[in-house]
Amino acid sequence: MNTTLATDYSDDTPREAVGVRVVKWTIKFTIALTFTGAMVVLICNWWVVHNTKDQIYFDINELPANDVGLVLGTSKFVRSGKENLFFRFRMEATARLWKEGKVKYLILSGNNDSEYYNEPVDMQRALVKLGVPTSVMTLDYAGYRTFDSVVRCKDVFNQEKITIISQNFHNARALYIGNHEGIEAIAFAAQDVPDGYSLRTLVREYLARPYALLDVYVLRPQPEKGNWERKKDR
């Protein structure tokens, strides 16, 4: 009788069983972790939207007037090189609010992290074409994120009562940050973009809201205190 084969077989069986158990445990853990993560994202999104929904206006006739509007920046073009409708509709809404006396002055807050990318200047140029004078615009070159734009509005530009101008989905997060920072804010919802065009942006916003809560309650990042433009040498 070959006892070696019997011994080898008996040794392999427990190893296979352990391997199967590890795989099953890994699958269960992954499912549980994914489910928990999804629930956290959903709860955070509900919390942000629920706590700001009464501060967002869709009808310009119902919007109270404020001296200052904070315009949140975005890229003028999408990755394919086509026009970014978020940008276009946001600028059109801003120009309309100014022309109808809903805001007197504008803080254009966006990303200018290199000399080749300048959201505030792009916004300024677009608004000038829409009939808004540069004399009512202040450019915030360090609005790298929504958190930075809102906090700097108070800490750098000394504004504590503002109208935030962006699309509805974005306004909720900005308002939540503003509320926590002691800013008396309302928001006007610019025209949204067609369904399908904005799927990637909306998914990103769903993930950004939980991160905003981390910023507000845990991380407390410190935005830049200065305000200078990174521009090409002339």
Protein backbone atom coordinates (compact mmCIF):
# COMPACT_ATOMS: atom_id res chain seq x y z
CA MET A 1 0.00 0.00 0.00
CA ASN A 2 1.31 3.47 -0.96
CA THR A 3 0.98 5.51 2.24
CA THR A 4 2.76 8.51 0.68
CA LEU A 5 -0.12 9.22 -1.68
CA ALA A 6 -2.63 8.91 1.14
CA THR A 7 -0.65 11.31 3.29
CA ASP A 8 -0.28 13.84 0.49
CA TYR A 9 -4.01 13.74 -0.25
CA SER A 10 -4.97 14.22 3.39
CA ASP A 11 -2.61 17.21 3.63
CA ASP A 12 -4.04 18.92 0.51
CA THR A 13 -7.70 18.67 1.51
CA PRO A 14 -7.54 21.10 4.48
CA ARG A 15 -5.57 23.57 2.36
CA GLU A 16 -8.25 23.53 -0.33
CA ALA A 17 -10.97 23.98 2.28
CA VAL A 18 -9.14 26.92 3.83
CA GLY A 19 -8.70 28.48 0.39
CA VAL A 20 -12.42 28.18 -0.35
CA ARG A 21 -13.29 29.73 3.02
CA VAL A 22 -10.92 32.64 2.37
CA VAL A 23 -12.46 33.29 -1.04
CA LYS A 24 -15.99 33.17 0.40
CA TRP A 25 -15.02 35.48 3.27
CA THR A 26 -13.37 37.91 0.84
CA ILE A 27 -16.48 38.00 -1.35
CA LYS A 28 -18.76 38.58 1.65
CA PHE A 29 -16.48 41.29 3.02
CA THR A 30 -16.33 43.04 -0.37
CA ILE A 31 -20.12 42.96 -0.71
CA ALA A 32 -20.59 44.28 2.83
CA LEU A 33 -18.01 47.01 2.31
CA THR A 34 -19.56 48.05 -1.01
CA PHE A 35 -23.04 48.13 0.52
CA THR A 36 -21.85 50.16 3.51
CA GLY A 37 -20.02 52.60 1.27
CA ALA A 38 -23.06 53.04 -0.94
CA MET A 39 -25.27 53.68 2.10
CA VAL A 40 -22.83 56.27 3.45
CA VAL A 41 -22.81 58.09 0.10
CA LEU A 42 -26.61 58.04 -0.13
CA ILE A 43 -27.10 59.25 3.45
CA CYS A 44 -24.56 62.05 3.04
CA ASN A 45 -26.23 63.17 -0.18
CA TRP A 46 -29.67 63.15 1.43
CA TRP A 47 -28.36 65.12 4.42
CA VAL A 48 -26.74 67.84 2.30
CA VAL A 49 -29.76 68.24 0.01
CA HIS A 50 -32.29 68.10 2.85
CA ASN A 51 -30.54 70.81 4.84
CA THR A 52 -30.22 73.26 1.94
CA LYS A 53 -33.30 72.72 -0.22
CA ASP A 54 -35.12 75.77 1.15
CA GLN A 55 -32.21 78.06 0.25
CA ILE A 56 -32.21 77.33 -3.48
CA TYR A 57 -34.32 79.40 -5.88
CA PHE A 58 -35.34 78.43 -9.40
CA ASP A 59 -37.58 81.41 -10.21
CA ILE A 60 -35.70 84.69 -10.55
CA ASN A 61 -38.81 86.62 -9.53
CA GLU A 62 -38.83 84.89 -6.14
CA LEU A 63 -35.10 85.33 -5.51
CA PRO A 64 -34.31 87.94 -2.84
CA ALA A 65 -31.74 90.56 -3.86
CA ASN A 66 -28.24 90.53 -2.40
CA ASP A 67 -25.31 92.85 -2.94
CA VAL A 68 -22.86 90.08 -3.84
CA GLY A 69 -23.12 87.01 -6.03
CA LEU A 70 -20.56 84.21 -5.76
CA VAL A 71 -20.19 82.54 -9.16
CA LEU A 72 -18.67 79.07 -8.91
CA GLY A 73 -16.25 78.26 -11.68
CA THR A 74 -16.09 75.41 -14.12
CA SER A 75 -14.19 74.69 -17.30
CA LYS A 76 -15.29 76.54 -20.43
CA PHE A 77 -14.83 73.39 -22.51
CA VAL A 78 -15.32 69.68 -21.90
CA ARG A 79 -12.55 67.17 -22.56
CA SER A 80 -13.63 66.62 -26.15
CA GLY A 81 -13.11 70.32 -26.82
CA LYS A 82 -16.80 71.09 -27.12
CA GLU A 83 -18.54 73.88 -25.27
CA ASN A 84 -19.32 73.12 -21.62
CA LEU A 85 -23.03 73.81 -21.22
CA PHE A 86 -22.64 74.07 -17.45
CA PHE A 87 -20.35 77.05 -18.03
CA ARG A 88 -22.58 78.65 -20.64
CA PHE A 89 -25.80 78.37 -18.64
CA ARG A 90 -24.07 79.51 -15.46
CA MET A 91 -22.77 82.66 -17.15
CA GLU A 92 -26.15 83.39 -18.71
CA ALA A 93 -27.83 83.07 -15.31
CA THR A 94 -25.24 85.36 -13.73
CA ALA A 95 -25.69 88.05 -16.37
CA ARG A 96 -29.45 87.89 -15.99
CA LEU A 97 -29.28 88.22 -12.20
CA TRP A 98 -27.06 91.27 -12.48
CA LYS A 99 -29.19 92.93 -15.16
CA GLU A 100 -32.36 92.42 -13.11
CA GLY A 101 -30.79 93.83 -9.96
CA LYS A 102 -30.68 90.59 -7.99
CA VAL A 103 -26.94 91.09 -7.39
CA LYS A 104 -24.83 94.23 -7.68
CA TYR A 105 -21.32 92.77 -7.54
CA LEU A 106 -19.83 89.44 -8.55
CA ILE A 107 -17.03 87.30 -7.17
CA LEU A 108 -15.88 84.98 -9.95
CA SER A 109 -14.23 82.10 -8.12
CA GLY A 110 -12.44 79.36 -10.01
CA ASN A 111 -9.31 77.39 -10.68
CA ASN A 112 -6.17 79.13 -11.92
CA ASP A 113 -3.62 76.50 -10.93
CA SER A 114 -1.44 77.16 -13.97
CA GLU A 115 -0.74 79.91 -16.48
CA TYR A 116 -2.59 77.88 -19.11
CA TYR A 117 -5.86 77.42 -17.20
CA ASN A 118 -7.83 80.34 -15.82
CA GLU A 119 -11.49 79.86 -14.97
CA PRO A 120 -12.01 83.35 -13.44
CA VAL A 121 -10.74 85.11 -16.57
CA ASP A 122 -12.85 82.85 -18.79
CA MET A 123 -15.90 83.77 -16.73
CA GLN A 124 -15.07 87.46 -16.87
CA ARG A 125 -14.72 87.40 -20.66
CA ALA A 126 -17.99 85.52 -21.08
CA LEU A 127 -19.85 87.94 -18.82
CA VAL A 128 -18.45 90.98 -20.62
CA LYS A 129 -19.84 89.55 -23.87
CA LEU A 130 -23.19 89.24 -22.11
CA GLY A 131 -23.15 92.90 -21.13
CA VAL A 132 -21.79 92.84 -17.58
CA PRO A 133 -19.09 95.47 -16.88
CA THR A 134 -15.75 94.44 -15.42
CA SER A 135 -16.15 97.12 -12.74
CA VAL A 136 -18.61 94.92 -10.83
CA MET A 137 -16.42 91.79 -10.98
CA THR A 138 -13.81 90.57 -8.54
CA LEU A 139 -11.75 87.58 -9.64
CA ASP A 140 -10.84 84.88 -7.14
CA TYR A 141 -7.96 82.93 -8.64
CA ALA A 142 -7.69 80.36 -5.83
CA GLY A 143 -11.13 78.80 -5.96
CA TYR A 144 -9.65 75.39 -6.68
CA ARG A 145 -12.57 73.58 -5.07
CA THR A 146 -16.05 74.56 -3.95
CA PHE A 147 -14.85 74.51 -0.34
CA ASP A 148 -12.12 77.00 -1.19
CA SER A 149 -14.49 79.30 -3.08
CA VAL A 150 -17.01 79.49 -0.25
CA VAL A 151 -14.52 79.84 2.60
CA ARG A 152 -12.45 82.44 0.75
CA CYS A 153 -15.57 84.46 0.03
CA LYS A 154 -15.74 85.14 3.76
CA ASP A 155 -12.10 84.96 4.86
CA VAL A 156 -10.45 86.77 1.94
CA PHE A 157 -13.21 88.93 0.44
CA ASN A 158 -15.07 89.61 3.70
CA GLN A 159 -18.51 88.67 2.41
CA GLU A 160 -20.95 87.03 4.81
CA LYS A 161 -24.22 87.49 2.91
CA ILE A 162 -24.20 86.18 -0.65
CA THR A 163 -26.10 84.62 -3.52
CA ILE A 164 -24.37 81.52 -4.87
CA ILE A 165 -24.79 80.97 -8.60
CA SER A 166 -24.39 77.50 -10.09
CA GLN A 167 -26.51 74.55 -11.18
CA ASN A 168 -28.94 73.09 -8.65
CA PHE A 169 -26.94 69.93 -7.90
CA HIS A 170 -23.83 72.00 -7.15
CA ASN A 171 -25.59 74.66 -5.10
CA ALA A 172 -26.56 72.22 -2.35
CA ARG A 173 -22.96 71.40 -1.49
CA ALA A 174 -21.84 75.03 -1.64
CA LEU A 175 -24.70 76.11 0.61
CA TYR A 176 -23.96 73.40 3.15
CA ILE A 177 -20.37 74.57 3.41
CA GLY A 178 -21.51 78.18 3.67
CA ASN A 179 -23.99 77.38 6.42
CA HIS A 180 -21.29 75.71 8.48
CA GLU A 181 -18.93 78.65 7.95
CA GLY A 182 -21.49 81.14 9.22
CA ILE A 183 -22.32 82.66 5.85
CA GLU A 184 -25.87 83.85 5.21
CA ALA A 185 -26.34 82.39 1.76
CA ILE A 186 -29.01 81.64 -0.78
CA ALA A 187 -28.50 80.19 -4.24
CA PHE A 188 -29.91 80.57 -7.72
CA ALA A 189 -30.11 77.45 -9.88
CA ALA A 190 -28.83 78.07 -13.38
CA GLN A 191 -30.36 76.10 -16.22
CA ASP A 192 -29.42 72.46 -16.07
CA VAL A 193 -28.02 70.51 -19.00
CA PRO A 194 -29.83 67.80 -21.01
CA ASP A 195 -30.06 64.31 -19.56
CA GLY A 196 -27.11 62.14 -20.50
CA TYR A 197 -24.80 65.09 -21.09
CA SER A 198 -24.06 65.43 -17.39
CA LEU A 199 -23.92 61.85 -16.09
CA ARG A 200 -20.22 61.95 -15.26
CA THR A 201 -20.60 65.32 -13.52
CA LEU A 202 -23.57 64.14 -11.48
CA VAL A 203 -21.77 60.99 -10.35
CA ARG A 204 -18.80 63.10 -9.32
CA GLU A 205 -21.13 65.38 -7.34
CA TYR A 206 -22.63 62.41 -5.48
CA LEU A 207 -19.13 61.48 -4.37
CA ALA A 208 -18.14 65.08 -3.63
CA ARG A 209 -20.88 65.62 -1.05
CA PRO A 210 -19.56 63.05 1.45
CA TYR A 211 -16.09 64.53 0.94
CA ALA A 212 -17.50 67.98 1.69
CA LEU A 213 -18.75 66.69 5.04
CA LEU A 214 -15.25 65.41 5.76
CA ASP A 215 -13.85 68.84 4.89
CA VAL A 216 -16.34 70.62 7.12
CA TYR A 217 -16.19 68.37 10.18
CA VAL A 218 -12.88 66.52 10.07
CA LEU A 219 -10.19 67.60 7.61
CA ARG A 220 -10.65 71.39 7.80
CA PRO A 221 -8.32 72.21 4.88
CA GLN A 222 -6.96 75.75 4.78
CA PRO A 223 -7.56 77.58 1.48
CA GLU A 224 -4.99 80.05 0.21
CA LYS A 225 -5.10 83.47 1.86
CA GLY A 226 -3.69 85.48 -1.03
CA ASN A 227 -5.15 86.20 -4.44
CA TRP A 228 -2.83 86.39 -7.42
CA GLU A 229 -3.17 85.39 -11.03
CA ARG A 230 -0.94 82.81 -12.66
CA LYS A 231 -0.60 84.09 -16.20
CA LYS A 232 1.64 83.78 -19.21
CA ASP A 233 4.56 86.13 -19.60
CA ARG A 234 3.75 88.77 -22.15
